Amino acid sequence: MAALDLLGRRWSLRVLWELRDGPVGVRALRERCDGMSPSVLYERLRELGHAGLLVKNDDGQYELTEIGRALGSALDPLDQWARRWANETEEISTGD
């Protein structure tokens, strides 16, 4: 599966984003991704695992692999842009 196909799937980036600070269990991950059905969560976890971006550790939690963490470095500029965009959008809507 090509990277953009995988990352463009609904919830894929959100799952990876929620794992950026360390291992997370399924229940906590689902709470962080409110609105995601359990079946979609497990499907994304399986796909991202097959792609080598995350693994299930001995404690039963999911965590990013080395290459998964490296993807975080690629996403940081997007996060910075999104924060800037949100601030500018808010300023426009409030008239500041």
Protein backbone atom coordinates (compact mmCIF):
# COMPACT_ATOMS: atom_id res chain seq x y z
CA MET A 1 0.00 0.00 0.00
CA ALA A 2 1.44 3.37 -0.95
CA ALA A 3 2.18 5.77 1.91
CA LEU A 4 -0.36 8.38 0.85
CA ASP A 5 -3.06 5.75 0.45
CA LEU A 6 -2.39 4.48 3.96
CA LEU A 7 -2.03 7.86 5.61
CA GLY A 8 -4.99 9.27 3.72
CA ARG A 9 -7.35 6.72 5.19
CA ARG A 10 -9.73 8.18 7.72
CA TRP A 11 -8.28 8.12 11.25
CA SER A 12 -4.82 6.84 10.25
CA LEU A 13 -2.99 10.07 11.01
CA ARG A 14 -5.02 10.58 14.17
CA VAL A 15 -4.00 7.15 15.49
CA LEU A 16 -0.35 7.87 14.73
CA TRP A 17 -0.63 11.32 16.30
CA GLU A 18 -2.09 9.90 19.51
CA LEU A 19 0.83 7.47 19.78
CA ARG A 20 3.48 10.17 19.37
CA ASP A 21 4.15 10.53 23.12
CA GLY A 22 4.40 6.83 23.89
CA PRO A 23 2.47 3.57 24.18
CA VAL A 24 -1.31 3.70 24.48
CA GLY A 25 -3.83 0.94 25.12
CA VAL A 26 -6.80 0.35 22.86
CA ARG A 27 -9.37 1.71 25.30
CA ALA A 28 -7.42 4.94 25.87
CA LEU A 29 -6.73 5.26 22.17
CA ARG A 30 -10.41 4.93 21.39
CA GLU A 31 -11.27 7.60 23.98
CA ARG A 32 -8.73 9.96 22.43
CA CYS A 33 -10.23 9.35 18.99
CA ASP A 34 -13.81 10.04 19.94
CA GLY A 35 -16.17 9.12 17.20
CA MET A 36 -14.11 6.21 15.86
CA SER A 37 -15.84 2.87 15.87
CA PRO A 38 -13.98 -0.09 17.41
CA SER A 39 -13.97 -1.92 14.08
CA VAL A 40 -12.32 1.01 12.31
CA LEU A 41 -9.78 1.39 15.11
CA TYR A 42 -8.76 -2.25 14.91
CA GLU A 43 -8.62 -2.05 11.11
CA ARG A 44 -6.33 1.00 11.26
CA LEU A 45 -4.14 -0.60 13.92
CA ARG A 46 -3.80 -3.69 11.74
CA GLU A 47 -2.99 -1.67 8.61
CA LEU A 48 -0.49 0.57 10.37
CA GLY A 49 1.10 -2.47 11.99
CA HIS A 50 1.43 -4.26 8.66
CA ALA A 51 3.03 -1.12 7.27
CA GLY A 52 5.63 -1.26 10.05
CA LEU A 53 4.59 2.01 11.69
CA LEU A 54 3.41 0.60 15.00
CA VAL A 55 3.60 -2.52 17.12
CA LYS A 56 1.76 -4.00 20.06
CA ASN A 57 4.15 -4.23 23.00
CA ASP A 58 4.33 -6.83 25.78
CA ASP A 59 1.92 -4.78 27.91
CA GLY A 60 -0.72 -4.97 25.17
CA GLN A 61 -0.32 -1.31 24.28
CA TYR A 62 0.39 0.10 20.86
CA GLU A 63 3.50 2.13 20.18
CA LEU A 64 5.28 3.61 17.22
CA THR A 65 8.21 1.82 15.67
CA GLU A 66 11.37 3.71 14.81
CA ILE A 67 10.06 4.44 11.31
CA GLY A 68 6.70 5.42 12.81
CA ARG A 69 8.44 7.92 15.10
CA ALA A 70 10.36 9.24 12.11
CA LEU A 71 7.03 9.96 10.43
CA GLY A 72 6.27 12.22 13.39
CA SER A 73 9.21 14.38 12.38
CA ALA A 74 7.68 14.71 8.96
CA LEU A 75 4.31 15.65 10.46
CA ASP A 76 5.67 18.34 12.80
CA PRO A 77 5.75 21.00 10.06
CA LEU A 78 2.14 20.15 9.19
CA ASP A 79 1.19 20.55 12.87
CA GLN A 80 2.93 23.94 12.99
CA TRP A 81 1.12 25.03 9.84
CA ALA A 82 -2.23 23.83 11.23
CA ARG A 83 -1.74 25.80 14.45
CA ARG A 84 -0.87 28.93 12.47
CA TRP A 85 -3.88 28.42 10.20
CA ALA A 86 -6.18 27.94 13.21
CA ASN A 87 -4.90 31.14 14.82
CA GLU A 88 -5.28 33.15 11.63
CA THR A 89 -8.76 31.74 11.02
CA GLU A 90 -9.76 32.65 14.56
CA GLU A 91 -8.42 36.19 14.14
CA ILE A 92 -10.40 36.59 10.92
CA SER A 93 -13.62 35.32 12.51
CA THR A 94 -13.26 37.56 15.58
CA GLY A 95 -12.16 40.59 13.57
CA ASP A 96 -8.85 41.07 15.41
